[in-house]
Amino acid sequence: MSYRVRLESMDTGPSRFAVLATYSFGSKNDDATLLLSDGRWVVRSHSREMIEFVLGVPLSSLEFRSVLTGCPAIAGDFKFERFDDATMKLVTESGNSTLETFMRRDAGLSPWSVFAVVGSIPGRPVRWRADRGERSHGVLKSVRLTSMELNGRPGRQFDLMVSFDRIQTPALGNDLLSLPVPESAETIAIDTVRSYLSVPLLAD
């Protein structure tokens, strides 16, 4: 089983880009491919590094997919912690990263709903938090991603609001979550791209 996230700019000029980030449970592959300038250049890296390069938020493809869909993907060991009858959290540990999914319900046997997710960033003294906005027919309409510094105010390193103005379920088209790379595309290193493009790319 694999999860995929595809992001594509709406620009038609030189700053146009498309990125596909993939996580495979079977092989543990966590890779991303970025196409720049109408497919003239291709960049490959780990999904966390690539999503941070594009959006400014250091989430892996698995974490970002969970944030956008509102459905936590369990990879690794997990446990539940109950605060009371209406609030609990799911703690997932995989390698050197931890994901905390906070859930609540109105009362009794009503279904649980996720209201926030907090994740660690391997090798960094900072975490991230995703706060979910309203839902429309069970689908999220917005998500806010902020950094959580150990010593400092929230949102100091990044503060990103993702809004969905068009939601289509189920998705149509077999090529929606694929990213064909032209044979003529030149492969370049991500550090090379950083030297002459604004980071994150979303800033353009």
C-alpha atoms as a PDB file:
ATOM      1  CA  MET A   1       0.000   0.000   0.000  1.00  0.00           C
ATOM      2  CA  SER A   2       1.231   3.480  -0.804  1.00  0.00           C
ATOM      3  CA  TYR A   3       0.030   7.027  -0.200  1.00  0.00           C
ATOM      4  CA  ARG A   4       0.540   9.830  -2.701  1.00  0.00           C
ATOM      5  CA  VAL A   5       0.241  13.599  -2.524  1.00  0.00           C
ATOM      6  CA  ARG A   6       0.427  15.736  -5.652  1.00  0.00           C
ATOM      7  CA  LEU A   7       0.827  19.522  -5.568  1.00  0.00           C
ATOM      8  CA  GLU A   8       0.796  21.695  -8.660  1.00  0.00           C
ATOM      9  CA  SER A   9       1.000  25.442  -9.157  1.00  0.00           C
ATOM     10  CA  MET A  10      -1.512  27.221 -11.352  1.00  0.00           C
ATOM     11  CA  ASP A  11       1.112  29.488 -12.917  1.00  0.00           C
ATOM     12  CA  THR A  12       1.837  29.392 -16.626  1.00  0.00           C
ATOM     13  CA  GLY A  13       5.179  31.192 -16.428  1.00  0.00           C
ATOM     14  CA  PRO A  14       8.744  30.123 -15.511  1.00  0.00           C
ATOM     15  CA  SER A  15       7.822  29.581 -11.841  1.00  0.00           C
ATOM     16  CA  ARG A  16       5.393  26.755 -12.652  1.00  0.00           C
ATOM     17  CA  PHE A  17       6.016  23.508 -10.759  1.00  0.00           C
ATOM     18  CA  ALA A  18       4.474  20.136  -9.937  1.00  0.00           C
ATOM     19  CA  VAL A  19       5.518  17.753  -7.168  1.00  0.00           C
ATOM     20  CA  LEU A  20       4.519  14.177  -6.341  1.00  0.00           C
ATOM     21  CA  ALA A  21       5.374  12.800  -2.883  1.00  0.00           C
ATOM     22  CA  THR A  22       4.941   9.082  -2.167  1.00  0.00           C
ATOM     23  CA  TYR A  23       5.148   6.840   0.891  1.00  0.00           C
ATOM     24  CA  SER A  24       5.084   3.048   0.512  1.00  0.00           C
ATOM     25  CA  PHE A  25       4.347   0.902   3.559  1.00  0.00           C
ATOM     26  CA  GLY A  26       5.801  -2.226   1.976  1.00  0.00           C
ATOM     27  CA  SER A  27       9.207  -0.883   0.961  1.00  0.00           C
ATOM     28  CA  LYS A  28       9.280   2.084   3.395  1.00  0.00           C
ATOM     29  CA  ASN A  29      10.123   4.337   0.431  1.00  0.00           C
ATOM     30  CA  ASP A  30       9.531   7.995   1.189  1.00  0.00           C
ATOM     31  CA  ASP A  31      10.416   9.874  -1.978  1.00  0.00           C
ATOM     32  CA  ALA A  32       9.306  12.921  -3.928  1.00  0.00           C
ATOM     33  CA  THR A  33       9.748  14.185  -7.487  1.00  0.00           C
ATOM     34  CA  LEU A  34       9.594  17.841  -8.492  1.00  0.00           C
ATOM     35  CA  LEU A  35       9.165  19.092 -12.057  1.00  0.00           C
ATOM     36  CA  LEU A  36      10.115  22.681 -12.844  1.00  0.00           C
ATOM     37  CA  SER A  37       9.651  24.983 -15.840  1.00  0.00           C
ATOM     38  CA  ASP A  38       7.221  22.812 -17.810  1.00  0.00           C
ATOM     39  CA  GLY A  39       9.225  19.659 -17.203  1.00  0.00           C
ATOM     40  CA  ARG A  40      12.627  20.928 -18.281  1.00  0.00           C
ATOM     41  CA  TRP A  41      14.171  20.120 -14.896  1.00  0.00           C
ATOM     42  CA  VAL A  42      13.495  17.313 -12.448  1.00  0.00           C
ATOM     43  CA  VAL A  43      14.511  17.185  -8.777  1.00  0.00           C
ATOM     44  CA  ARG A  44      14.317  14.106  -6.549  1.00  0.00           C
ATOM     45  CA  SER A  45      14.629  13.945  -2.773  1.00  0.00           C
ATOM     46  CA  HIS A  46      12.952  12.659   0.395  1.00  0.00           C
ATOM     47  CA  SER A  47       9.353  13.813   0.732  1.00  0.00           C
ATOM     48  CA  ARG A  48       9.891  15.826   3.938  1.00  0.00           C
ATOM     49  CA  GLU A  49      12.705  17.838   2.369  1.00  0.00           C
ATOM     50  CA  MET A  50      10.720  18.365  -0.829  1.00  0.00           C
ATOM     51  CA  ILE A  51       7.469  19.462   0.845  1.00  0.00           C
ATOM     52  CA  GLU A  52       9.417  21.910   2.987  1.00  0.00           C
ATOM     53  CA  PHE A  53      11.177  23.201  -0.135  1.00  0.00           C
ATOM     54  CA  VAL A  54       7.847  23.789  -1.886  1.00  0.00           C
ATOM     55  CA  LEU A  55       5.544  24.846   0.968  1.00  0.00           C
ATOM     56  CA  GLY A  56       7.846  25.792   3.830  1.00  0.00           C
ATOM     57  CA  VAL A  57       6.437  23.133   6.190  1.00  0.00           C
ATOM     58  CA  PRO A  58       8.697  20.139   7.019  1.00  0.00           C
ATOM     59  CA  LEU A  59       6.116  17.350   6.789  1.00  0.00           C
ATOM     60  CA  SER A  60       6.600  13.978   5.144  1.00  0.00           C
ATOM     61  CA  SER A  61       4.202  12.793   2.441  1.00  0.00           C
ATOM     62  CA  LEU A  62       2.466  10.498   4.944  1.00  0.00           C
ATOM     63  CA  GLU A  63       2.036  13.304   7.485  1.00  0.00           C
ATOM     64  CA  PHE A  64       0.860  15.822   4.886  1.00  0.00           C
ATOM     65  CA  ARG A  65      -1.677  13.394   3.461  1.00  0.00           C
ATOM     66  CA  SER A  66      -3.032  12.782   6.975  1.00  0.00           C
ATOM     67  CA  VAL A  67      -3.333  16.527   7.569  1.00  0.00           C
ATOM     68  CA  LEU A  68      -5.163  17.203   4.297  1.00  0.00           C
ATOM     69  CA  THR A  69      -7.625  14.326   4.596  1.00  0.00           C
ATOM     70  CA  GLY A  70      -8.214  14.452   8.332  1.00  0.00           C
ATOM     71  CA  CYS A  71      -7.525  10.710   8.544  1.00  0.00           C
ATOM     72  CA  PRO A  72      -4.375   9.778  10.514  1.00  0.00           C
ATOM     73  CA  ALA A  73      -2.273   7.094   8.833  1.00  0.00           C
ATOM     74  CA  ILE A  74      -0.891   4.656  11.378  1.00  0.00           C
ATOM     75  CA  ALA A  75       2.694   3.601  10.617  1.00  0.00           C
ATOM     76  CA  GLY A  76       4.610   1.962  13.461  1.00  0.00           C
ATOM     77  CA  ASP A  77       3.677   1.454  17.111  1.00  0.00           C
ATOM     78  CA  PHE A  78       0.653   3.237  18.509  1.00  0.00           C
ATOM     79  CA  LYS A  79      -1.293   3.694  21.723  1.00  0.00           C
ATOM     80  CA  PHE A  80      -4.423   5.542  22.911  1.00  0.00           C
ATOM     81  CA  GLU A  81      -4.532   7.940  25.855  1.00  0.00           C
ATOM     82  CA  ARG A  82      -7.929   8.931  27.271  1.00  0.00           C
ATOM     83  CA  PHE A  83      -8.314  12.301  28.983  1.00  0.00           C
ATOM     84  CA  ASP A  84     -12.012  11.910  29.712  1.00  0.00           C
ATOM     85  CA  ASP A  85     -15.119  10.347  28.139  1.00  0.00           C
ATOM     86  CA  ALA A  86     -15.130  12.920  25.330  1.00  0.00           C
ATOM     87  CA  THR A  87     -11.417  13.531  24.613  1.00  0.00           C
ATOM     88  CA  MET A  88      -8.465  11.294  23.773  1.00  0.00           C
ATOM     89  CA  LYS A  89      -5.338  11.148  21.645  1.00  0.00           C
ATOM     90  CA  LEU A  90      -3.681   8.553  19.443  1.00  0.00           C
ATOM     91  CA  VAL A  91       0.116   8.464  19.744  1.00  0.00           C
ATOM     92  CA  THR A  92       1.988   6.906  16.811  1.00  0.00           C
ATOM     93  CA  GLU A  93       5.749   6.297  16.894  1.00  0.00           C
ATOM     94  CA  SER A  94       7.709   5.357  13.787  1.00  0.00           C
ATOM     95  CA  GLY A  95      11.497   5.478  13.821  1.00  0.00           C
ATOM     96  CA  ASN A  96      12.524   8.780  15.392  1.00  0.00           C
ATOM     97  CA  SER A  97       9.244  10.635  14.762  1.00  0.00           C
ATOM     98  CA  THR A  98       6.095  10.871  16.881  1.00  0.00           C
ATOM     99  CA  LEU A  99       2.592  11.832  15.790  1.00  0.00           C
ATOM    100  CA  GLU A 100      -0.142  12.806  18.259  1.00  0.00           C
ATOM    101  CA  THR A 101      -3.719  12.876  16.956  1.00  0.00           C
ATOM    102  CA  PHE A 102      -6.235  14.580  19.254  1.00  0.00           C
ATOM    103  CA  MET A 103      -9.879  13.489  19.006  1.00  0.00           C
ATOM    104  CA  ARG A 104     -13.150  14.357  20.694  1.00  0.00           C
ATOM    105  CA  ARG A 105     -16.843  13.533  20.541  1.00  0.00           C
ATOM    106  CA  ASP A 106     -19.998  15.215  21.719  1.00  0.00           C
ATOM    107  CA  ALA A 107     -21.278  12.558  24.107  1.00  0.00           C
ATOM    108  CA  GLY A 108     -22.106   8.906  24.589  1.00  0.00           C
ATOM    109  CA  LEU A 109     -21.660   6.792  21.488  1.00  0.00           C
ATOM    110  CA  SER A 110     -21.268   9.670  19.007  1.00  0.00           C
ATOM    111  CA  PRO A 111     -18.364   9.274  16.550  1.00  0.00           C
ATOM    112  CA  TRP A 112     -14.907  10.602  17.297  1.00  0.00           C
ATOM    113  CA  SER A 113     -13.549  13.496  15.206  1.00  0.00           C
ATOM    114  CA  VAL A 114      -9.992  14.769  14.872  1.00  0.00           C
ATOM    115  CA  PHE A 115      -9.503  18.394  15.901  1.00  0.00           C
ATOM    116  CA  ALA A 116      -5.681  18.702  16.002  1.00  0.00           C
ATOM    117  CA  VAL A 117      -2.516  16.824  15.107  1.00  0.00           C
ATOM    118  CA  VAL A 118       0.952  17.454  16.569  1.00  0.00           C
ATOM    119  CA  GLY A 119       4.066  15.929  15.034  1.00  0.00           C
ATOM    120  CA  SER A 120       7.798  15.916  15.703  1.00  0.00           C
ATOM    121  CA  ILE A 121      10.484  16.765  13.156  1.00  0.00           C
ATOM    122  CA  PRO A 122      13.441  14.335  13.278  1.00  0.00           C
ATOM    123  CA  GLY A 123      16.666  16.038  14.280  1.00  0.00           C
ATOM    124  CA  ARG A 124      15.091  19.429  15.040  1.00  0.00           C
ATOM    125  CA  PRO A 125      14.076  21.132  18.307  1.00  0.00           C
ATOM    126  CA  VAL A 126      10.681  22.088  16.898  1.00  0.00           C
ATOM    127  CA  ARG A 127       7.340  20.411  16.305  1.00  0.00           C
ATOM    128  CA  TRP A 128       4.383  21.210  14.056  1.00  0.00           C
ATOM    129  CA  ARG A 129       0.660  21.452  14.760  1.00  0.00           C
ATOM    130  CA  ALA A 130      -2.284  21.106  12.388  1.00  0.00           C
ATOM    131  CA  ASP A 131      -5.621  22.601  13.427  1.00  0.00           C
ATOM    132  CA  ARG A 132      -8.613  21.498  11.372  1.00  0.00           C
ATOM    133  CA  GLY A 133     -11.258  23.974  10.250  1.00  0.00           C
ATOM    134  CA  GLU A 134     -14.880  23.287   9.427  1.00  0.00           C
ATOM    135  CA  ARG A 135     -16.044  20.274   7.438  1.00  0.00           C
ATOM    136  CA  SER A 136     -18.436  20.053   4.510  1.00  0.00           C
ATOM    137  CA  HIS A 137     -20.170  16.670   4.142  1.00  0.00           C
ATOM    138  CA  GLY A 138     -17.384  15.089   6.179  1.00  0.00           C
ATOM    139  CA  VAL A 139     -14.559  16.665   4.141  1.00  0.00           C
ATOM    140  CA  LEU A 140     -12.211  19.296   5.554  1.00  0.00           C
ATOM    141  CA  LYS A 141     -12.570  22.846   4.223  1.00  0.00           C
ATOM    142  CA  SER A 142      -9.354  24.240   5.728  1.00  0.00           C
ATOM    143  CA  VAL A 143      -6.270  23.324   7.759  1.00  0.00           C
ATOM    144  CA  ARG A 144      -3.794  25.583   9.544  1.00  0.00           C
ATOM    145  CA  LEU A 145      -0.190  24.406   9.984  1.00  0.00           C
ATOM    146  CA  THR A 146       2.002  26.154  12.540  1.00  0.00           C
ATOM    147  CA  SER A 147       5.394  25.500  14.073  1.00  0.00           C
ATOM    148  CA  MET A 148       5.714  24.787  17.804  1.00  0.00           C
ATOM    149  CA  GLU A 149       9.099  25.949  19.066  1.00  0.00           C
ATOM    150  CA  LEU A 150      10.314  24.583  22.377  1.00  0.00           C
ATOM    151  CA  ASN A 151      11.276  28.109  23.488  1.00  0.00           C
ATOM    152  CA  GLY A 152       9.254  30.689  21.602  1.00  0.00           C
ATOM    153  CA  ARG A 153       5.835  31.613  20.330  1.00  0.00           C
ATOM    154  CA  PRO A 154       3.834  29.281  18.029  1.00  0.00           C
ATOM    155  CA  GLY A 155       4.133  29.935  14.309  1.00  0.00           C
ATOM    156  CA  ARG A 156       7.556  31.516  14.510  1.00  0.00           C
ATOM    157  CA  GLN A 157       9.124  29.348  11.782  1.00  0.00           C
ATOM    158  CA  PHE A 158       6.021  28.734   9.668  1.00  0.00           C
ATOM    159  CA  ASP A 159       2.303  29.464   9.695  1.00  0.00           C
ATOM    160  CA  LEU A 160       0.408  28.156   6.669  1.00  0.00           C
ATOM    161  CA  MET A 161      -3.328  28.101   6.024  1.00  0.00           C
ATOM    162  CA  VAL A 162      -4.578  25.593   3.444  1.00  0.00           C
ATOM    163  CA  SER A 163      -8.109  26.209   2.124  1.00  0.00           C
ATOM    164  CA  PHE A 164     -10.079  24.003  -0.251  1.00  0.00           C
ATOM    165  CA  ASP A 165     -12.295  25.908  -2.668  1.00  0.00           C
ATOM    166  CA  ARG A 166     -13.192  22.831  -4.719  1.00  0.00           C
ATOM    167  CA  ILE A 167     -13.551  19.306  -3.367  1.00  0.00           C
ATOM    168  CA  GLN A 168     -14.153  16.311  -5.605  1.00  0.00           C
ATOM    169  CA  THR A 169     -14.780  12.855  -4.187  1.00  0.00           C
ATOM    170  CA  PRO A 170     -14.082  10.338  -5.482  1.00  0.00           C
ATOM    171  CA  ALA A 171     -11.213  11.689  -7.567  1.00  0.00           C
ATOM    172  CA  LEU A 172     -11.467  11.030 -11.306  1.00  0.00           C
ATOM    173  CA  GLY A 173      -8.675  10.223 -13.764  1.00  0.00           C
ATOM    174  CA  ASN A 174      -5.947   7.593 -13.554  1.00  0.00           C
ATOM    175  CA  ASP A 175      -3.225  10.200 -14.066  1.00  0.00           C
ATOM    176  CA  LEU A 176      -4.327  12.432 -11.184  1.00  0.00           C
ATOM    177  CA  LEU A 177      -1.743  11.023  -8.782  1.00  0.00           C
ATOM    178  CA  SER A 178       1.051  10.373 -11.256  1.00  0.00           C
ATOM    179  CA  LEU A 179       3.792  12.656 -12.529  1.00  0.00           C
ATOM    180  CA  PRO A 180       5.299  11.592 -15.872  1.00  0.00           C
ATOM    181  CA  VAL A 181       8.848  12.890 -16.294  1.00  0.00           C
ATOM    182  CA  PRO A 182       9.847  13.865 -19.866  1.00  0.00           C
ATOM    183  CA  GLU A 183      12.909  12.044 -21.202  1.00  0.00           C
ATOM    184  CA  SER A 184      14.429  15.407 -22.033  1.00  0.00           C
ATOM    185  CA  ALA A 185      14.214  16.640 -18.412  1.00  0.00           C
ATOM    186  CA  GLU A 186      17.561  17.498 -16.837  1.00  0.00           C
ATOM    187  CA  THR A 187      18.107  16.124 -13.324  1.00  0.00           C
ATOM    188  CA  ILE A 188      19.441  18.709 -10.876  1.00  0.00           C
ATOM    189  CA  ALA A 189      20.179  18.622  -7.139  1.00  0.00           C
ATOM    190  CA  ILE A 190      17.794  20.275  -4.700  1.00  0.00           C
ATOM    191  CA  ASP A 191      20.632  22.416  -3.285  1.00  0.00           C
ATOM    192  CA  THR A 192      21.272  23.772  -6.772  1.00  0.00           C
ATOM    193  CA  VAL A 193      17.628  24.789  -7.100  1.00  0.00           C
ATOM    194  CA  ARG A 194      17.765  26.535  -3.710  1.00  0.00           C
ATOM    195  CA  SER A 195      20.592  28.738  -4.938  1.00  0.00           C
ATOM    196  CA  TYR A 196      18.517  30.488  -7.611  1.00  0.00           C
ATOM    197  CA  LEU A 197      14.840  30.072  -6.647  1.00  0.00           C
ATOM    198  CA  SER A 198      12.870  31.546  -3.754  1.00  0.00           C
ATOM    199  CA  VAL A 199      12.314  29.082  -0.934  1.00  0.00           C
ATOM    200  CA  PRO A 200       9.614  28.017  -0.376  1.00  0.00           C
ATOM    201  CA  LEU A 201       8.352  27.925  -3.955  1.00  0.00           C
ATOM    202  CA  LEU A 202       4.938  28.869  -2.613  1.00  0.00           C
ATOM    203  CA  ALA A 203       6.363  32.320  -1.904  1.00  0.00           C
ATOM    204  CA  ASP A 204       6.352  33.022  -5.656  1.00  0.00           C
END
